[in-house]
């Protein structure tokens, strides 16, 4: 199974994804080679390829050319990930290393051939070659350097901070699995939390490793594939968090968002809202995108930042729904605080959030008349943002008109 990659699909890069358009991979790979050679080196590389081929069909040049061509045709045909997705582009581009390295070989052959043909170039071309390397280093070093980088250290710390005492933390996705694994297995953080890569528990070798490193998880004692639904059933009332849920994945529990995971709460059971808010606040505090350099869109870091902002907004939505059923003063104040935090920090606050903030303050008025100025400010701001044909505009204006 490991050799044939049956978990991803034999002779394909991933399972269940939309494939790239025909020729899209070849074009993108050619562009990556051009950027690697700073474009100016591309003609010299092509010249070097021709020189190496002219040295005879038995030469190394033909072997390298055949290998590169076969790799490009076969890999791009089987790499069934759409390059329109930024993260998928980042994944596929890692496999272009071989043709890029061979292009550098042909660049060297071309420079050597030019030096042999024109003696005057023997002093100039080596300088050009060194200059190309120096310029590439200058352009790429800062973007690629991870010196003193703590991005995923903070992601792991944030995730663990979200977990209640003795929780079962089910991780998914390479980035989130390894960020938590580093915190638990290397730094020794949160020994009370049992962190398991849930989607890998269908393999016997992972279940064997999990039994050693996560004692006390009931379902691991049975020698059978483990699923998320089975774990939730077996663990009963134990706190459970998961990195994310797949579309249409039913758990029978309510999902409460944290920065990089979801807390799965049994429906109908008492819910400690303020304990959840304390832990989720700590998780969001441990990772602050505003203090970090802007990540590339086509990167795992960009995906993590997107997840953070999405979950910050989803937490506010979850509280709005909860406060509809539990309209006590403490819950309404907590909801308003979370909405104010999203409004202040989120890079793309929506008009609906501003309107909802005003509505929460309106519902809080009977408990605390001092929030009236905040309600009015939120509603006035929403009127500035909302389309004038929105059916709620007259309602909000009536509320403001009735304000003393």
Protein backbone atom coordinates (compact mmCIF):
# COMPACT_ATOMS: atom_id res chain seq x y z
CA UNK A 1 0.00 0.00 0.00
CA UNK A 2 2.83 2.41 0.84
CA UNK A 3 4.74 1.70 -2.38
CA UNK A 4 1.60 1.97 -4.51
CA UNK A 5 0.36 5.05 -2.57
CA UNK A 6 -3.13 3.60 -2.39
CA UNK A 7 -4.19 6.18 0.21
CA UNK A 8 -3.58 8.93 -2.38
CA UNK A 9 -4.23 6.88 -5.51
CA UNK A 10 -1.72 4.88 -7.51
CA UNK A 11 -0.20 6.91 -10.37
CA UNK A 12 -1.77 10.15 -9.30
CA UNK A 13 -0.69 12.96 -7.00
CA UNK A 14 -3.86 13.19 -4.91
CA UNK A 15 -7.26 11.59 -4.56
CA UNK A 16 -10.62 13.22 -5.19
CA UNK A 17 -9.37 16.49 -6.71
CA UNK A 18 -10.09 18.36 -9.93
CA UNK A 19 -7.24 17.77 -12.40
CA UNK A 20 -5.21 20.50 -14.06
CA UNK A 21 -6.11 21.55 -17.61
CA UNK A 22 -4.14 19.82 -20.39
CA UNK A 23 -0.80 21.53 -20.92
CA UNK A 24 -1.23 23.76 -17.88
CA UNK A 25 1.49 21.95 -15.92
CA UNK A 26 3.99 22.12 -18.79
CA UNK A 27 3.48 25.86 -19.23
CA UNK A 28 3.77 26.53 -15.49
CA UNK A 29 6.91 24.37 -15.21
CA UNK A 30 8.52 26.15 -18.18
CA UNK A 31 7.79 29.50 -16.53
CA UNK A 32 9.34 28.25 -13.27
CA UNK A 33 12.51 27.22 -15.14
CA UNK A 34 12.68 30.64 -16.78
CA UNK A 35 12.38 32.38 -13.41
CA UNK A 36 15.02 30.10 -11.90
CA UNK A 37 17.44 31.06 -14.69
CA UNK A 38 16.42 34.74 -14.42
CA UNK A 39 15.15 34.45 -18.02
CA UNK A 40 18.49 35.80 -19.29
CA UNK A 41 20.02 32.38 -18.68
CA UNK A 42 17.26 30.49 -20.52
CA UNK A 43 18.70 31.00 -24.06
CA UNK A 44 22.12 29.91 -22.83
CA UNK A 45 20.53 26.84 -21.24
CA UNK A 46 18.81 25.94 -24.53
CA UNK A 47 22.12 26.39 -26.31
CA UNK A 48 23.76 24.07 -23.77
CA UNK A 49 21.05 21.47 -24.36
CA UNK A 50 21.73 21.53 -28.11
CA UNK A 51 25.48 21.24 -27.50
CA UNK A 52 25.03 18.24 -25.23
CA UNK A 53 22.80 16.51 -27.78
CA UNK A 54 25.33 17.04 -30.60
CA UNK A 55 27.93 15.06 -28.67
CA UNK A 56 26.32 11.82 -29.80
CA UNK A 57 23.28 9.66 -29.02
CA UNK A 58 25.25 7.61 -26.53
CA UNK A 59 26.29 10.64 -24.53
CA UNK A 60 25.02 11.77 -21.18
CA UNK A 61 23.23 14.68 -22.85
CA UNK A 62 20.68 12.42 -24.54
CA UNK A 63 20.09 10.52 -21.31
CA UNK A 64 19.46 13.73 -19.38
CA UNK A 65 17.22 15.14 -22.10
CA UNK A 66 15.20 11.93 -22.34
CA UNK A 67 14.85 11.79 -18.55
CA UNK A 68 13.71 15.41 -18.33
CA UNK A 69 11.23 15.04 -21.19
CA UNK A 70 9.82 11.80 -19.80
CA UNK A 71 9.51 13.31 -16.35
CA UNK A 72 7.72 16.40 -17.60
CA UNK A 73 5.26 14.51 -19.79
CA UNK A 74 4.50 11.74 -17.30
CA UNK A 75 4.40 13.89 -14.18
CA UNK A 76 2.28 16.68 -15.64
CA UNK A 77 -0.14 14.08 -17.03
CA UNK A 78 -0.55 12.37 -13.64
CA UNK A 79 -0.32 15.41 -11.35
CA UNK A 80 -4.08 15.73 -10.94
CA UNK A 81 -4.15 18.95 -8.93
CA UNK A 82 -5.62 22.13 -10.33
CA UNK A 83 -2.99 24.87 -10.53
CA UNK A 84 -5.74 27.45 -10.14
CA UNK A 85 -5.74 26.60 -6.42
CA UNK A 86 -2.86 28.51 -4.77
CA UNK A 87 -2.03 25.75 -2.27
CA UNK A 88 -2.15 23.05 -4.96
CA UNK A 89 0.17 25.19 -7.09
CA UNK A 90 2.62 25.30 -4.20
CA UNK A 91 2.42 21.50 -3.81
CA UNK A 92 2.96 20.75 -7.50
CA UNK A 93 5.78 23.28 -7.90
CA UNK A 94 7.90 21.34 -5.41
CA UNK A 95 8.15 18.55 -7.99
CA UNK A 96 9.74 20.82 -10.57
CA UNK A 97 13.11 20.64 -8.84
CA UNK A 98 14.49 17.97 -11.22
CA UNK A 99 13.92 19.85 -14.50
CA UNK A 100 15.19 23.05 -12.87
CA UNK A 101 18.39 21.30 -11.76
CA UNK A 102 18.90 19.83 -15.25
CA UNK A 103 18.34 23.29 -16.75
CA UNK A 104 21.18 24.57 -14.56
CA UNK A 105 23.38 21.74 -15.90
CA UNK A 106 22.59 22.78 -19.48
CA UNK A 107 23.25 26.41 -18.53
CA UNK A 108 26.72 25.37 -17.39
CA UNK A 109 27.30 23.38 -20.60
CA UNK A 110 26.24 26.38 -22.65
CA UNK A 111 28.58 28.75 -20.80
CA UNK A 112 31.46 26.30 -21.20
CA UNK A 113 30.77 26.02 -24.95
CA UNK A 114 30.65 29.79 -25.34
CA UNK A 115 33.97 30.15 -23.54
CA UNK A 116 35.51 27.53 -25.85
CA UNK A 117 34.27 29.30 -29.00
CA UNK A 118 35.10 32.90 -28.08
CA UNK A 119 38.27 33.43 -26.17
CA UNK A 120 37.26 36.97 -25.32
CA UNK A 121 34.33 35.60 -23.36
CA UNK A 122 36.47 33.49 -21.08
CA UNK A 123 36.84 36.36 -18.65
CA UNK A 124 33.35 37.78 -19.05
CA UNK A 125 31.13 34.67 -18.93
CA UNK A 126 32.41 33.33 -15.58
CA UNK A 127 31.60 36.72 -14.09
CA UNK A 128 28.15 36.53 -15.69
CA UNK A 129 27.62 33.06 -14.24
CA UNK A 130 28.61 34.13 -10.75
CA UNK A 131 26.48 37.25 -11.14
CA UNK A 132 23.41 35.20 -12.06
CA UNK A 133 23.84 33.12 -8.90
CA UNK A 134 24.39 36.22 -6.76
CA UNK A 135 21.32 37.98 -8.15
CA UNK A 136 19.16 34.90 -7.64
CA UNK A 137 20.34 34.61 -4.05
CA UNK A 138 19.62 38.29 -3.48
CA UNK A 139 16.11 37.99 -4.91
CA UNK A 140 15.17 34.72 -3.20
CA UNK A 141 17.06 34.49 0.09
CA UNK A 142 14.79 36.73 2.13
CA UNK A 143 11.57 35.17 0.84
CA UNK A 144 12.80 31.60 1.31
CA UNK A 145 14.72 31.99 4.57
CA UNK A 146 13.12 30.43 7.63
CA UNK A 147 15.84 31.56 10.04
CA UNK A 148 14.23 32.37 13.39
CA UNK A 149 10.85 31.51 11.88
CA UNK A 150 8.24 30.55 14.49
CA UNK A 151 5.18 30.47 12.28
CA UNK A 152 4.16 26.85 12.82
CA UNK A 153 5.55 26.81 16.34
CA UNK A 154 2.93 29.44 17.11
CA UNK A 155 0.25 27.53 15.17
CA UNK A 156 0.91 24.45 17.32
CA UNK A 157 0.98 26.46 20.55
CA UNK A 158 -2.29 28.17 19.61
CA UNK A 159 -3.96 24.83 18.88
CA UNK A 160 -2.90 23.28 22.19
CA UNK A 161 -3.98 26.39 24.11
CA UNK A 162 -7.51 25.77 22.79
CA UNK A 163 -7.73 22.27 24.27
CA UNK A 164 -9.48 21.60 27.62
CA UNK A 165 -7.72 19.51 30.26
CA UNK A 166 -7.37 15.89 29.13
CA UNK A 167 -8.78 16.54 25.66
CA UNK A 168 -8.47 14.34 22.61
CA UNK A 169 -7.04 16.50 19.78
CA UNK A 170 -7.56 14.98 16.32
CA UNK A 171 -5.30 16.60 13.75
CA UNK A 172 -5.63 16.76 9.97
CA UNK A 173 -3.51 18.20 7.19
CA UNK A 174 0.30 18.02 7.07
CA UNK A 175 0.83 21.52 8.43
CA UNK A 176 -1.48 21.16 11.44
CA UNK A 177 -0.50 17.55 12.20
CA UNK A 178 3.20 18.38 12.35
CA UNK A 179 2.77 21.71 14.16
CA UNK A 180 0.98 19.94 17.03
CA UNK A 181 3.33 16.93 16.89
CA UNK A 182 6.33 19.26 17.37
CA UNK A 183 4.74 20.86 20.43
CA UNK A 184 3.76 17.55 22.05
CA UNK A 185 6.55 15.15 21.08
CA UNK A 186 9.55 17.51 20.84
CA UNK A 187 8.80 20.35 23.26
CA UNK A 188 6.83 18.17 25.69
CA UNK A 189 3.90 20.57 25.90
CA UNK A 190 0.46 19.58 27.24
CA UNK A 191 1.15 15.94 28.26
CA UNK A 192 -2.50 15.75 29.34
CA UNK A 193 -3.70 16.13 25.72
CA UNK A 194 -3.83 13.10 23.42
CA UNK A 195 -3.00 14.34 19.90
CA UNK A 196 -3.67 11.89 17.04
CA UNK A 197 -3.63 12.27 13.23
CA UNK A 198 -7.16 10.96 12.79
CA UNK A 199 -7.09 10.24 9.06
CA UNK A 200 -3.97 8.08 9.40
CA UNK A 201 -5.52 5.83 12.05
CA UNK A 202 -6.91 3.60 9.30
CA UNK A 203 -3.37 2.23 8.87
CA UNK A 204 -2.12 -0.49 11.26
CA UNK A 205 1.34 1.09 11.62
CA UNK A 206 -0.17 4.38 12.80
CA UNK A 207 -2.52 2.65 15.25
CA UNK A 208 0.47 0.80 16.71
CA UNK A 209 2.37 4.09 17.15
CA UNK A 210 -0.72 5.77 18.61
CA UNK A 211 -1.14 3.03 21.22
CA UNK A 212 2.38 3.78 22.47
CA UNK A 213 2.12 7.56 22.47
CA UNK A 214 -1.56 8.07 23.36
CA UNK A 215 -2.48 5.65 26.12
CA UNK A 216 -6.03 5.82 27.38
CA UNK A 217 -7.76 6.28 24.02
CA UNK A 218 -10.25 3.44 24.17
CA UNK A 219 -10.77 2.64 20.52
CA UNK A 220 -7.05 2.16 19.83
CA UNK A 221 -7.09 -1.11 21.76
CA UNK A 222 -9.06 -2.75 18.95
CA UNK A 223 -7.11 -3.77 15.87
CA UNK A 224 -9.46 -2.18 13.33
CA UNK A 225 -9.46 1.02 11.26
CA UNK A 226 -10.42 4.06 13.32
CA UNK A 227 -12.68 6.85 12.05
CA UNK A 228 -13.69 10.19 13.51
CA UNK A 229 -17.27 9.03 14.09
CA UNK A 230 -16.06 5.88 15.89
CA UNK A 231 -13.71 7.89 18.12
CA UNK A 232 -16.47 10.31 19.09
CA UNK A 233 -18.76 7.42 19.99
CA UNK A 234 -16.11 5.57 22.01
CA UNK A 235 -14.80 8.59 23.95
CA UNK A 236 -18.20 9.59 25.33
CA UNK A 237 -18.01 12.84 27.31
CA UNK A 238 -14.27 13.39 26.82
CA UNK A 239 -13.51 16.82 25.25
CA UNK A 240 -12.70 16.34 21.56
CA UNK A 241 -11.24 18.82 19.09
CA UNK A 242 -10.49 18.30 15.38
CA UNK A 243 -8.35 20.42 13.05
CA UNK A 244 -11.23 20.82 10.61
CA UNK A 245 -14.28 18.98 9.33
CA UNK A 246 -14.70 17.88 5.74
CA UNK A 247 -17.72 19.17 3.81
CA UNK A 248 -20.87 17.27 4.79
CA UNK A 249 -19.01 15.35 7.52
CA UNK A 250 -21.62 14.68 10.19
CA UNK A 251 -20.44 14.24 13.78
CA UNK A 252 -23.71 14.58 15.72
CA UNK A 253 -22.06 17.39 17.70
CA UNK A 254 -21.92 21.18 17.55
CA UNK A 255 -18.62 22.57 16.21
CA UNK A 256 -17.26 25.60 18.07
CA UNK A 257 -14.34 27.26 16.22
CA UNK A 258 -10.92 27.94 17.70
CA UNK A 259 -8.00 29.51 15.83
CA UNK A 260 -6.90 26.28 14.11
CA UNK A 261 -9.37 23.64 15.22
CA UNK A 262 -12.98 22.95 16.13
CA UNK A 263 -14.28 21.87 19.51
CA UNK A 264 -16.97 19.21 19.10
CA UNK A 265 -19.57 19.64 21.84
CA UNK A 266 -22.29 17.03 22.47
CA UNK A 267 -25.74 18.36 21.66
CA UNK A 268 -28.10 18.56 24.58
CA UNK A 269 -25.26 18.54 27.13
CA UNK A 270 -24.42 21.55 29.34
CA UNK A 271 -21.98 23.84 27.54
CA UNK A 272 -19.43 25.93 29.43
CA UNK A 273 -19.55 28.98 27.17
CA UNK A 274 -17.18 31.10 29.22
CA UNK A 275 -14.64 28.30 29.60
CA UNK A 276 -14.73 27.93 25.81
CA UNK A 277 -14.28 31.69 25.35
CA UNK A 278 -11.28 31.79 27.72
CA UNK A 279 -9.53 28.98 25.85
CA UNK A 280 -10.40 30.25 22.40
CA UNK A 281 -9.24 33.76 23.34
CA UNK A 282 -5.93 32.28 24.46
CA UNK A 283 -5.62 30.32 21.21
CA UNK A 284 -6.31 33.38 19.06
CA UNK A 285 -3.88 35.42 21.18
CA UNK A 286 -1.02 32.92 20.74
CA UNK A 287 -1.03 33.50 16.98
CA UNK A 288 -1.26 37.05 15.68
CA UNK A 289 -1.05 37.47 11.87
CA UNK A 290 -0.61 41.22 12.33
CA UNK A 291 2.85 40.61 13.85
CA UNK A 292 3.97 38.30 11.04
CA UNK A 293 5.26 39.08 7.54
CA UNK A 294 2.52 38.69 4.95
CA UNK A 295 2.77 35.09 3.70
CA UNK A 296 2.75 34.20 0.03
CA UNK A 297 -0.74 33.39 -1.19
CA UNK A 298 0.57 30.16 -2.73
CA UNK A 299 1.82 28.71 0.53
CA UNK A 300 0.80 26.61 3.52
CA UNK A 301 1.38 29.68 5.65
CA UNK A 302 -1.17 31.58 3.59
CA UNK A 303 -3.65 28.75 4.16
CA UNK A 304 -3.05 28.89 7.93
CA UNK A 305 -3.63 32.66 8.04
CA UNK A 306 -6.80 32.25 5.98
CA UNK A 307 -7.98 29.57 8.45
CA UNK A 308 -7.28 31.90 11.40
CA UNK A 309 -9.35 34.78 10.00
CA UNK A 310 -12.14 32.47 8.83
CA UNK A 311 -12.43 30.87 12.28
CA UNK A 312 -12.34 34.24 14.04
CA UNK A 313 -15.42 35.26 12.03
CA UNK A 314 -17.07 31.84 12.46
CA UNK A 315 -16.70 32.08 16.24
CA UNK A 316 -18.66 35.34 16.15
CA UNK A 317 -21.36 33.67 14.03
CA UNK A 318 -21.58 30.74 16.48
CA UNK A 319 -22.01 33.13 19.40
CA UNK A 320 -24.74 35.04 17.58
CA UNK A 321 -26.71 31.83 17.14
CA UNK A 322 -26.08 30.79 20.75
CA UNK A 323 -27.20 34.20 22.09
CA UNK A 324 -30.53 33.81 20.27
CA UNK A 325 -31.29 30.88 22.59
CA UNK A 326 -29.54 32.25 25.69
CA UNK A 327 -30.27 35.97 25.85
CA UNK A 328 -28.98 36.64 29.36
CA UNK A 329 -26.86 39.73 29.96
CA UNK A 330 -23.56 37.86 30.39
CA UNK A 331 -23.96 35.97 27.09
CA UNK A 332 -24.96 39.12 25.21
CA UNK A 333 -21.96 41.04 26.61
CA UNK A 334 -19.64 38.20 25.60
CA UNK A 335 -21.15 38.14 22.11
CA UNK A 336 -20.71 41.90 21.74
CA UNK A 337 -17.09 41.64 22.90
CA UNK A 338 -16.31 38.97 20.31
CA UNK A 339 -18.02 40.93 17.53
CA UNK A 340 -16.10 44.08 18.50
CA UNK A 341 -12.86 42.07 18.34
CA UNK A 342 -13.66 40.81 14.84
CA UNK A 343 -14.62 44.32 13.75
CA UNK A 344 -11.34 45.74 15.06
CA UNK A 345 -8.99 43.04 13.82
CA UNK A 346 -10.43 41.20 10.82
CA UNK A 347 -8.99 42.42 7.49
CA UNK A 348 -12.38 42.29 5.74
CA UNK A 349 -15.21 43.16 8.11
CA UNK A 350 -18.61 42.77 6.47
CA UNK A 351 -21.56 45.17 6.80
CA UNK A 352 -23.60 42.28 8.20
CA UNK A 353 -21.24 41.99 11.15
CA UNK A 354 -21.66 45.70 11.95
CA UNK A 355 -25.44 45.35 11.78
CA UNK A 356 -25.35 42.25 14.00
CA UNK A 357 -23.24 44.13 16.51
CA UNK A 358 -25.86 46.85 16.71
CA UNK A 359 -28.59 44.22 17.11
CA UNK A 360 -26.74 42.58 20.01
CA UNK A 361 -26.40 45.94 21.77
CA UNK A 362 -30.10 46.53 21.13
CA UNK A 363 -30.97 43.25 22.86
CA UNK A 364 -28.60 44.15 25.70
CA UNK A 365 -30.31 47.53 26.30
CA UNK A 366 -32.90 46.25 28.83
CA UNK A 367 -30.04 44.82 30.92
CA UNK A 368 -27.61 47.73 30.48
CA UNK A 369 -28.90 51.09 29.16
CA UNK A 370 -25.31 52.37 29.04
CA UNK A 371 -24.70 50.46 25.77
CA UNK A 372 -27.12 52.70 23.82
CA UNK A 373 -24.34 54.90 22.32
CA UNK A 374 -22.56 51.78 21.07
CA UNK A 375 -25.76 50.49 19.51
CA UNK A 376 -26.39 53.79 17.75
CA UNK A 377 -22.79 54.01 16.51
CA UNK A 378 -22.93 50.48 15.08
CA UNK A 379 -26.29 51.06 13.36
CA UNK A 380 -25.17 54.41 11.91
CA UNK A 381 -22.02 52.81 10.56
CA UNK A 382 -24.11 50.05 9.00
CA UNK A 383 -26.36 52.62 7.30
CA UNK A 384 -23.22 54.12 5.73
CA UNK A 385 -22.21 50.69 4.37
CA UNK A 386 -25.52 49.07 3.45
CA UNK A 387 -27.27 49.42 0.08
CA UNK A 388 -30.19 51.79 0.40
CA UNK A 389 -32.59 49.19 -1.00
CA UNK A 390 -31.79 46.79 1.85
CA UNK A 391 -35.16 45.99 3.49
CA UNK A 392 -33.65 46.46 6.96
CA UNK A 393 -32.65 50.07 6.33
CA UNK A 394 -36.07 51.50 7.31
CA UNK A 395 -36.15 49.29 10.40
CA UNK A 396 -32.76 50.51 11.60
CA UNK A 397 -33.67 54.11 10.89
CA UNK A 398 -36.81 53.69 12.94
CA UNK A 399 -34.74 52.30 15.84
CA UNK A 400 -32.39 55.28 15.65
CA UNK A 401 -35.29 57.70 15.33
CA UNK A 402 -36.88 56.30 18.48
CA UNK A 403 -33.64 56.69 20.44
CA UNK A 404 -33.84 59.49 23.01
